[in-house]
Amino acid sequence: MSLIIEENRVVTLTYELRDGGADGELMERMDARYPFIFLFGTGKLLKSFEENLRGLSSDDAFEFTLPADQAYGRWNVLNVLKIPKGDFNRSSDVPDNYVKIDNRVNLTDDEGLRHNGKIIGIGDTEIEVDFNHIMVDKDLHFKGAVLAIREASMDELVKQHYLEEDGIRK
């Protein structure tokens, strides 16, 4: 009996991700040499992405488009912050020569969480960073195939993440 994609299953698949639709710009490709492997149902992926895969079996093909509102949302001004330069320097490991408009940076907040953003302004005392997701406002078109499905191991269930055979988190 063939397994289907549902909670607590490790899924291996290939896909092409395009901006907007089937003819859109190629944004990402996961092929058979470098497939996408994940533990289904952990809340770490877009819920709408997982729901489009739910119930598929090995060797099934899929194709769907996630509207921006079901993907990474719409641009939100509340995700743009002006950070005092001293705080910016403390929360990042970005060298001074990399602090330039349009460069992407990783910053760590007071709770130790990392956030990705894009520098959009540099003032005398502060740096303005847009923390909206890089794929905000984009409709995402996925086309691919399910390569394999297996039951998750106990370690994977405890850690809520897919593990390689050697126990290393991927």
N, C-alpha and C. Protein backbone atom coordinates (compact mmCIF):
# COMPACT_ATOMS: atom_id res chain seq x y z
N MET A 1 0.84 -1.18 0.00
CA MET A 1 0.00 0.00 0.00
C MET A 1 0.88 1.25 0.00
N SER A 2 0.58 2.14 -0.86
CA SER A 2 1.36 3.36 -1.03
C SER A 2 0.99 4.39 0.03
N LEU A 3 2.00 5.01 0.61
CA LEU A 3 1.74 6.07 1.58
C LEU A 3 1.29 7.33 0.87
N ILE A 4 0.50 8.14 1.57
CA ILE A 4 0.11 9.44 1.05
C ILE A 4 0.73 10.51 1.94
N ILE A 5 0.78 11.71 1.40
CA ILE A 5 1.31 12.84 2.17
C ILE A 5 0.29 13.25 3.22
N GLU A 6 0.73 13.16 4.48
CA GLU A 6 -0.06 13.61 5.61
C GLU A 6 0.90 13.84 6.78
N GLU A 7 0.36 14.29 7.91
CA GLU A 7 1.18 14.59 9.07
C GLU A 7 2.10 13.43 9.43
N ASN A 8 3.28 13.79 9.91
CA ASN A 8 4.29 12.85 10.40
C ASN A 8 4.87 11.97 9.30
N ARG A 9 4.87 12.46 8.09
CA ARG A 9 5.51 11.77 6.97
C ARG A 9 6.64 12.66 6.44
N VAL A 10 7.73 12.01 6.08
CA VAL A 10 8.83 12.72 5.44
C VAL A 10 8.61 12.64 3.94
N VAL A 11 8.59 13.80 3.30
CA VAL A 11 8.25 13.91 1.89
C VAL A 11 9.48 14.37 1.12
N THR A 12 9.73 13.71 -0.01
CA THR A 12 10.81 14.11 -0.92
C THR A 12 10.16 14.48 -2.24
N LEU A 13 10.46 15.69 -2.71
CA LEU A 13 9.87 16.11 -3.98
C LEU A 13 10.80 17.01 -4.77
N THR A 14 10.46 17.15 -6.05
CA THR A 14 11.13 18.09 -6.92
C THR A 14 10.10 19.17 -7.27
N TYR A 15 10.60 20.34 -7.61
CA TYR A 15 9.67 21.37 -8.08
C TYR A 15 10.44 22.52 -8.74
N GLU A 16 9.69 23.26 -9.53
CA GLU A 16 10.12 24.56 -10.02
C GLU A 16 9.17 25.57 -9.41
N LEU A 17 9.73 26.66 -8.91
CA LEU A 17 8.93 27.75 -8.36
C LEU A 17 9.09 28.94 -9.31
N ARG A 18 7.95 29.43 -9.80
CA ARG A 18 7.96 30.56 -10.72
C ARG A 18 7.13 31.71 -10.15
N ASP A 19 7.51 32.91 -10.52
CA ASP A 19 6.84 34.12 -10.09
C ASP A 19 5.58 34.33 -10.92
N GLY A 20 4.43 34.26 -10.28
CA GLY A 20 3.17 34.64 -10.92
C GLY A 20 2.41 33.53 -11.61
N GLY A 21 3.08 32.69 -12.35
CA GLY A 21 2.38 31.65 -13.09
C GLY A 21 3.36 30.74 -13.80
N ALA A 22 2.82 29.83 -14.62
CA ALA A 22 3.63 28.82 -15.29
C ALA A 22 4.71 29.42 -16.19
N ASP A 23 4.47 30.61 -16.72
CA ASP A 23 5.44 31.25 -17.62
C ASP A 23 6.27 32.31 -16.92
N GLY A 24 6.11 32.43 -15.60
CA GLY A 24 6.83 33.46 -14.86
C GLY A 24 8.31 33.16 -14.70
N GLU A 25 9.01 34.12 -14.17
CA GLU A 25 10.45 34.00 -13.94
C GLU A 25 10.72 32.85 -12.97
N LEU A 26 11.69 32.00 -13.32
CA LEU A 26 12.10 30.90 -12.45
C LEU A 26 12.80 31.48 -11.23
N MET A 27 12.27 31.17 -10.05
CA MET A 27 12.85 31.69 -8.81
C MET A 27 13.63 30.62 -8.05
N GLU A 28 13.24 29.35 -8.23
CA GLU A 28 13.91 28.27 -7.49
C GLU A 28 13.62 26.95 -8.19
N ARG A 29 14.61 26.07 -8.16
CA ARG A 29 14.41 24.73 -8.72
C ARG A 29 15.04 23.72 -7.77
N MET A 30 14.26 22.73 -7.42
CA MET A 30 14.74 21.60 -6.63
C MET A 30 14.59 20.38 -7.53
N ASP A 31 15.72 19.78 -7.94
CA ASP A 31 15.65 18.66 -8.87
C ASP A 31 16.00 17.35 -8.17
N ALA A 32 16.03 16.26 -8.92
CA ALA A 32 16.26 14.94 -8.33
C ALA A 32 17.63 14.83 -7.65
N ARG A 33 18.61 15.60 -8.12
CA ARG A 33 19.93 15.58 -7.47
C ARG A 33 19.90 16.31 -6.13
N TYR A 34 19.08 17.35 -6.04
CA TYR A 34 18.94 18.15 -4.83
C TYR A 34 17.46 18.34 -4.52
N PRO A 35 16.79 17.28 -4.13
CA PRO A 35 15.35 17.37 -3.89
C PRO A 35 15.04 18.14 -2.61
N PHE A 36 13.81 18.52 -2.48
CA PHE A 36 13.31 19.17 -1.27
C PHE A 36 12.75 18.06 -0.38
N ILE A 37 13.30 17.93 0.83
CA ILE A 37 12.89 16.89 1.77
C ILE A 37 12.44 17.58 3.05
N PHE A 38 11.26 17.23 3.52
CA PHE A 38 10.74 17.90 4.72
C PHE A 38 9.78 16.99 5.47
N LEU A 39 9.59 17.33 6.74
CA LEU A 39 8.62 16.65 7.58
C LEU A 39 7.30 17.40 7.45
N PHE A 40 6.29 16.73 6.97
CA PHE A 40 5.00 17.34 6.69
C PHE A 40 4.24 17.62 7.99
N GLY A 41 3.62 18.81 8.05
CA GLY A 41 2.71 19.13 9.12
C GLY A 41 3.31 19.73 10.37
N THR A 42 4.51 20.27 10.29
CA THR A 42 5.15 20.85 11.47
C THR A 42 4.86 22.33 11.64
N GLY A 43 4.25 22.95 10.63
CA GLY A 43 3.99 24.38 10.69
C GLY A 43 5.17 25.22 10.26
N LYS A 44 6.20 24.58 9.73
CA LYS A 44 7.39 25.32 9.31
C LYS A 44 7.33 25.77 7.84
N LEU A 45 6.38 25.21 7.10
CA LEU A 45 6.20 25.60 5.70
C LEU A 45 4.87 26.33 5.56
N LEU A 46 4.69 26.98 4.43
CA LEU A 46 3.42 27.64 4.19
C LEU A 46 2.29 26.61 4.27
N LYS A 47 1.29 26.93 5.07
CA LYS A 47 0.15 26.02 5.23
C LYS A 47 -0.51 25.73 3.88
N SER A 48 -0.65 26.74 3.05
CA SER A 48 -1.30 26.56 1.74
C SER A 48 -0.46 25.67 0.82
N PHE A 49 0.86 25.71 0.95
CA PHE A 49 1.74 24.84 0.18
C PHE A 49 1.48 23.39 0.59
N GLU A 50 1.49 23.13 1.88
CA GLU A 50 1.27 21.77 2.37
C GLU A 50 -0.13 21.27 2.00
N GLU A 51 -1.13 22.13 2.11
CA GLU A 51 -2.50 21.69 1.80
C GLU A 51 -2.64 21.28 0.33
N ASN A 52 -1.87 21.89 -0.55
CA ASN A 52 -1.91 21.50 -1.96
C ASN A 52 -1.23 20.16 -2.21
N LEU A 53 -0.38 19.73 -1.28
CA LEU A 53 0.32 18.45 -1.41
C LEU A 53 -0.39 17.32 -0.66
N ARG A 54 -1.19 17.68 0.31
CA ARG A 54 -1.87 16.68 1.16
C ARG A 54 -2.60 15.65 0.30
N GLY A 55 -2.39 14.37 0.62
CA GLY A 55 -3.10 13.29 -0.06
C GLY A 55 -2.41 12.76 -1.30
N LEU A 56 -1.35 13.43 -1.76
CA LEU A 56 -0.62 12.93 -2.93
C LEU A 56 0.20 11.70 -2.55
N SER A 57 0.50 10.86 -3.56
CA SER A 57 1.33 9.66 -3.38
C SER A 57 2.63 9.80 -4.14
N SER A 58 3.55 8.88 -3.89
CA SER A 58 4.80 8.86 -4.66
C SER A 58 4.49 8.79 -6.14
N ASP A 59 5.28 9.47 -6.93
CA ASP A 59 5.16 9.55 -8.39
C ASP A 59 4.03 10.46 -8.86
N ASP A 60 3.24 11.03 -7.95
CA ASP A 60 2.21 11.99 -8.37
C ASP A 60 2.86 13.30 -8.77
N ALA A 61 2.32 13.90 -9.82
CA ALA A 61 2.73 15.23 -10.24
C ALA A 61 1.81 16.24 -9.58
N PHE A 62 2.29 17.48 -9.45
CA PHE A 62 1.45 18.54 -8.91
C PHE A 62 1.78 19.85 -9.62
N GLU A 63 0.79 20.72 -9.64
CA GLU A 63 0.96 22.06 -10.18
C GLU A 63 -0.12 22.93 -9.56
N PHE A 64 0.31 24.03 -8.95
CA PHE A 64 -0.64 24.95 -8.33
C PHE A 64 0.01 26.31 -8.16
N THR A 65 -0.84 27.31 -8.00
CA THR A 65 -0.38 28.67 -7.75
C THR A 65 -0.94 29.14 -6.42
N LEU A 66 -0.07 29.67 -5.59
CA LEU A 66 -0.49 30.26 -4.32
C LEU A 66 -0.56 31.77 -4.51
N PRO A 67 -1.75 32.36 -4.39
CA PRO A 67 -1.84 33.82 -4.45
C PRO A 67 -1.02 34.42 -3.31
N ALA A 68 -0.53 35.62 -3.48
CA ALA A 68 0.32 36.27 -2.48
C ALA A 68 -0.31 36.22 -1.09
N ASP A 69 -1.62 36.38 -1.00
CA ASP A 69 -2.28 36.37 0.30
C ASP A 69 -2.21 35.02 0.99
N GLN A 70 -2.00 33.94 0.22
CA GLN A 70 -1.85 32.60 0.80
C GLN A 70 -0.38 32.19 0.88
N ALA A 71 0.49 33.05 0.41
CA ALA A 71 1.93 32.75 0.42
C ALA A 71 2.58 33.63 1.50
N TYR A 72 3.34 34.62 1.10
CA TYR A 72 4.06 35.45 2.06
C TYR A 72 3.41 36.80 2.30
N GLY A 73 2.18 36.95 1.82
CA GLY A 73 1.40 38.14 2.14
C GLY A 73 1.73 39.35 1.30
N ARG A 74 1.20 40.44 1.76
CA ARG A 74 1.37 41.74 1.10
C ARG A 74 2.38 42.58 1.89
N TRP A 75 3.02 43.48 1.19
CA TRP A 75 3.98 44.38 1.82
C TRP A 75 3.29 45.13 2.95
N ASN A 76 3.99 45.25 4.09
CA ASN A 76 3.43 45.88 5.26
C ASN A 76 4.42 46.89 5.82
N VAL A 77 4.00 48.12 5.92
CA VAL A 77 4.87 49.18 6.43
C VAL A 77 5.34 48.90 7.86
N LEU A 78 4.56 48.12 8.61
CA LEU A 78 4.96 47.80 9.99
C LEU A 78 6.20 46.91 10.05
N ASN A 79 6.58 46.32 8.92
CA ASN A 79 7.78 45.49 8.85
C ASN A 79 9.02 46.28 8.43
N VAL A 80 8.89 47.59 8.37
CA VAL A 80 10.01 48.46 8.05
C VAL A 80 10.39 49.20 9.32
N LEU A 81 11.64 49.02 9.73
CA LEU A 81 12.10 49.61 10.99
C LEU A 81 13.32 50.50 10.78
N LYS A 82 13.36 51.58 11.55
CA LYS A 82 14.55 52.43 11.61
C LYS A 82 15.30 52.03 12.86
N ILE A 83 16.51 51.52 12.67
CA ILE A 83 17.29 50.97 13.77
C ILE A 83 18.48 51.88 14.04
N PRO A 84 18.64 52.35 15.28
CA PRO A 84 19.83 53.15 15.60
C PRO A 84 21.10 52.39 15.20
N LYS A 85 22.07 53.10 14.65
CA LYS A 85 23.28 52.44 14.15
C LYS A 85 23.96 51.58 15.21
N GLY A 86 23.99 52.03 16.45
CA GLY A 86 24.62 51.24 17.51
C GLY A 86 23.91 49.91 17.71
N ASP A 87 22.56 49.93 17.69
CA ASP A 87 21.78 48.70 17.83
C ASP A 87 21.98 47.81 16.60
N PHE A 88 22.02 48.41 15.43
CA PHE A 88 22.23 47.65 14.19
C PHE A 88 23.57 46.91 14.26
N ASN A 89 24.61 47.62 14.67
CA ASN A 89 25.94 47.00 14.75
C ASN A 89 25.99 45.87 15.77
N ARG A 90 25.27 46.03 16.90
CA ARG A 90 25.24 44.99 17.93
C ARG A 90 24.43 43.76 17.49
N SER A 91 23.42 43.96 16.65
CA SER A 91 22.52 42.86 16.30
C SER A 91 22.90 42.16 15.00
N SER A 92 24.01 42.59 14.40
CA SER A 92 24.41 41.95 13.14
C SER A 92 25.91 41.75 13.13
N ASP A 93 26.34 40.91 12.19
CA ASP A 93 27.77 40.74 11.98
C ASP A 93 28.14 41.31 10.61
N VAL A 94 27.38 42.30 10.19
CA VAL A 94 27.59 42.91 8.88
C VAL A 94 28.75 43.89 8.95
N PRO A 95 29.77 43.68 8.11
CA PRO A 95 30.89 44.63 8.10
C PRO A 95 30.42 45.99 7.58
N ASP A 96 31.05 47.05 8.06
CA ASP A 96 30.65 48.42 7.68
C ASP A 96 30.59 48.62 6.17
N ASN A 97 31.53 48.00 5.42
CA ASN A 97 31.56 48.21 3.97
C ASN A 97 30.41 47.50 3.25
N TYR A 98 29.65 46.68 3.97
CA TYR A 98 28.51 45.98 3.38
C TYR A 98 27.19 46.71 3.66
N VAL A 99 27.24 47.70 4.53
CA VAL A 99 26.03 48.46 4.87
C VAL A 99 25.75 49.43 3.73
N LYS A 100 24.98 48.93 2.76
CA LYS A 100 24.64 49.70 1.56
C LYS A 100 23.18 49.45 1.20
N ILE A 101 22.57 50.42 0.57
CA ILE A 101 21.18 50.30 0.12
C ILE A 101 21.03 49.05 -0.73
N ASP A 102 19.94 48.32 -0.52
CA ASP A 102 19.54 47.10 -1.23
C ASP A 102 20.29 45.84 -0.81
N ASN A 103 21.28 45.95 0.06
CA ASN A 103 21.94 44.74 0.56
C ASN A 103 21.03 44.06 1.57
N ARG A 104 21.04 42.73 1.54
CA ARG A 104 20.25 41.93 2.48
C ARG A 104 21.12 41.63 3.70
N VAL A 105 20.49 41.66 4.88
CA VAL A 105 21.22 41.47 6.13
C VAL A 105 20.43 40.54 7.05
N ASN A 106 21.13 39.90 7.97
CA ASN A 106 20.52 39.12 9.04
C ASN A 106 20.78 39.85 10.34
N LEU A 107 19.72 40.08 11.09
CA LEU A 107 19.84 40.74 12.38
C LEU A 107 19.25 39.84 13.45
N THR A 108 19.83 39.88 14.63
CA THR A 108 19.34 39.09 15.76
C THR A 108 18.67 40.02 16.76
N ASP A 109 17.43 39.68 17.15
CA ASP A 109 16.72 40.53 18.09
C ASP A 109 17.13 40.21 19.53
N ASP A 110 16.53 40.91 20.47
CA ASP A 110 16.88 40.76 21.90
C ASP A 110 16.57 39.37 22.43
N GLU A 111 15.70 38.61 21.75
CA GLU A 111 15.35 37.27 22.19
C GLU A 111 16.16 36.19 21.47
N GLY A 112 17.13 36.62 20.65
CA GLY A 112 17.99 35.68 19.95
C GLY A 112 17.45 35.17 18.63
N LEU A 113 16.32 35.71 18.19
CA LEU A 113 15.74 35.29 16.91
C LEU A 113 16.38 36.07 15.77
N ARG A 114 16.65 35.35 14.67
CA ARG A 114 17.28 35.99 13.50
C ARG A 114 16.20 36.44 12.53
N HIS A 115 16.42 37.61 11.94
CA HIS A 115 15.48 38.19 10.99
C HIS A 115 16.24 38.64 9.75
N ASN A 116 15.68 38.32 8.59
CA ASN A 116 16.28 38.74 7.32
C ASN A 116 15.62 40.03 6.87
N GLY A 117 16.41 40.93 6.37
CA GLY A 117 15.87 42.19 5.88
C GLY A 117 16.72 42.77 4.79
N LYS A 118 16.23 43.87 4.23
CA LYS A 118 16.94 44.58 3.17
C LYS A 118 17.13 46.02 3.61
N ILE A 119 18.35 46.50 3.50
CA ILE A 119 18.64 47.89 3.85
C ILE A 119 18.01 48.79 2.80
N ILE A 120 17.15 49.71 3.25
CA ILE A 120 16.49 50.61 2.30
C ILE A 120 16.82 52.08 2.57
N GLY A 121 17.49 52.35 3.67
CA GLY A 121 17.88 53.73 3.98
C GLY A 121 19.01 53.76 4.98
N ILE A 122 19.90 54.73 4.78
CA ILE A 122 21.03 54.90 5.70
C ILE A 122 21.10 56.37 6.07
N GLY A 123 20.88 56.67 7.35
CA GLY A 123 20.96 58.05 7.83
C GLY A 123 22.20 58.23 8.68
N ASP A 124 22.32 59.41 9.24
CA ASP A 124 23.47 59.69 10.09
C ASP A 124 23.45 58.87 11.37
N THR A 125 22.24 58.61 11.90
CA THR A 125 22.14 57.93 13.20
C THR A 125 21.39 56.61 13.15
N GLU A 126 20.74 56.30 12.03
CA GLU A 126 19.97 55.07 11.96
C GLU A 126 19.99 54.45 10.57
N ILE A 127 19.67 53.17 10.55
CA ILE A 127 19.61 52.41 9.31
C ILE A 127 18.19 51.88 9.18
N GLU A 128 17.57 52.09 8.01
CA GLU A 128 16.20 51.64 7.78
C GLU A 128 16.25 50.29 7.08
N VAL A 129 15.56 49.31 7.67
CA VAL A 129 15.57 47.94 7.16
C VAL A 129 14.14 47.47 6.91
N ASP A 130 13.93 46.90 5.73
CA ASP A 130 12.63 46.33 5.36
C ASP A 130 12.69 44.83 5.67
N PHE A 131 11.89 44.40 6.65
CA PHE A 131 11.86 43.00 7.06
C PHE A 131 10.73 42.21 6.40
N ASN A 132 10.04 42.79 5.43
CA ASN A 132 9.05 42.02 4.68
C ASN A 132 9.77 40.88 3.97
N HIS A 133 9.10 39.74 3.86
CA HIS A 133 9.71 38.56 3.21
C HIS A 133 10.11 38.91 1.78
N ILE A 134 11.18 38.30 1.32
CA ILE A 134 11.69 38.57 -0.03
C ILE A 134 10.64 38.23 -1.11
N MET A 135 9.71 37.34 -0.80
CA MET A 135 8.68 36.96 -1.78
C MET A 135 7.32 37.60 -1.49
N VAL A 136 7.31 38.67 -0.71
CA VAL A 136 6.08 39.38 -0.42
C VAL A 136 5.48 39.91 -1.73
N ASP A 137 4.18 39.94 -1.81
CA ASP A 137 3.42 40.43 -2.98
C ASP A 137 3.55 39.54 -4.21
N LYS A 138 4.11 38.35 -4.07
CA LYS A 138 4.28 37.47 -5.22
C LYS A 138 3.29 36.30 -5.17
N ASP A 139 2.68 36.03 -6.33
CA ASP A 139 1.93 34.79 -6.50
C ASP A 139 2.97 33.73 -6.86
N LEU A 140 2.94 32.59 -6.18
CA LEU A 140 3.96 31.56 -6.34
C LEU A 140 3.39 30.36 -7.08
N HIS A 141 4.00 30.03 -8.21
CA HIS A 141 3.55 28.90 -9.02
C HIS A 141 4.52 27.73 -8.84
N PHE A 142 4.00 26.61 -8.35
CA PHE A 142 4.79 25.40 -8.12
C PHE A 142 4.39 24.34 -9.13
N LYS A 143 5.39 23.68 -9.69
CA LYS A 143 5.14 22.53 -10.57
C LYS A 143 6.22 21.50 -10.25
N GLY A 144 5.79 20.27 -9.95
CA GLY A 144 6.78 19.27 -9.58
C GLY A 144 6.21 17.89 -9.46
N ALA A 145 6.94 17.05 -8.75
CA ALA A 145 6.54 15.65 -8.58
C ALA A 145 7.00 15.15 -7.21
N VAL A 146 6.20 14.24 -6.67
CA VAL A 146 6.54 13.59 -5.41
C VAL A 146 7.45 12.41 -5.72
N LEU A 147 8.63 12.39 -5.13
CA LEU A 147 9.58 11.30 -5.35
C LEU A 147 9.41 10.18 -4.34
N ALA A 148 9.19 10.54 -3.08
CA ALA A 148 9.10 9.50 -2.04
C ALA A 148 8.36 10.04 -0.83
N ILE A 149 7.76 9.11 -0.10
CA ILE A 149 7.09 9.42 1.16
C ILE A 149 7.44 8.28 2.12
N ARG A 150 7.78 8.64 3.37
CA ARG A 150 8.03 7.61 4.37
C ARG A 150 7.55 8.10 5.72
N GLU A 151 7.37 7.14 6.62
CA GLU A 151 7.01 7.49 7.99
C GLU A 151 8.19 8.21 8.64
N ALA A 152 7.91 9.21 9.44
CA ALA A 152 8.97 9.90 10.17
C ALA A 152 9.49 9.01 11.30
N SER A 153 10.78 9.15 11.59
CA SER A 153 11.37 8.42 12.72
C SER A 153 10.95 9.10 14.03
N MET A 154 11.15 8.41 15.12
CA MET A 154 10.84 8.99 16.43
C MET A 154 11.68 10.25 16.67
N ASP A 155 12.97 10.21 16.30
CA ASP A 155 13.82 11.39 16.46
C ASP A 155 13.27 12.57 15.66
N GLU A 156 12.82 12.31 14.43
CA GLU A 156 12.27 13.38 13.59
C GLU A 156 11.00 13.96 14.22
N LEU A 157 10.17 13.09 14.78
CA LEU A 157 8.94 13.57 15.42
C LEU A 157 9.25 14.42 16.64
N VAL A 158 10.24 13.99 17.42
CA VAL A 158 10.62 14.75 18.61
C VAL A 158 11.23 16.10 18.21
N LYS A 159 12.11 16.08 17.21
CA LYS A 159 12.80 17.31 16.80
C LYS A 159 11.97 18.15 15.83
N GLN A 160 10.87 17.56 15.32
CA GLN A 160 9.98 18.26 14.38
C GLN A 160 10.71 18.73 13.14
N HIS A 161 11.64 17.88 12.67
CA HIS A 161 12.41 18.21 11.47
C HIS A 161 12.94 16.94 10.84
N TYR A 162 13.04 16.96 9.52
CA TYR A 162 13.63 15.85 8.77
C TYR A 162 15.10 15.71 9.15
N LEU A 163 15.56 14.45 9.30
CA LEU A 163 16.96 14.16 9.61
C LEU A 163 17.55 13.23 8.56
N GLU A 164 18.81 13.45 8.23
CA GLU A 164 19.53 12.53 7.35
C GLU A 164 19.73 11.21 8.10
N GLU A 165 20.13 10.18 7.40
CA GLU A 165 20.34 8.87 8.04
C GLU A 165 21.37 8.94 9.16
N ASP A 166 22.32 9.88 9.06
CA ASP A 166 23.34 10.00 10.11
C ASP A 166 22.86 10.82 11.30
N GLY A 167 21.55 11.22 11.28
CA GLY A 167 20.98 11.96 12.40
C GLY A 167 21.19 13.45 12.36
N ILE A 168 21.77 13.95 11.27
CA ILE A 168 22.03 15.37 11.15
C ILE A 168 20.81 16.08 10.58
N ARG A 169 20.47 17.20 11.18
CA ARG A 169 19.32 17.98 10.73
C ARG A 169 19.62 18.63 9.39
N LYS A 170 18.66 18.55 8.52
CA LYS A 170 18.79 19.20 7.20
C LYS A 170 17.73 20.23 7.03
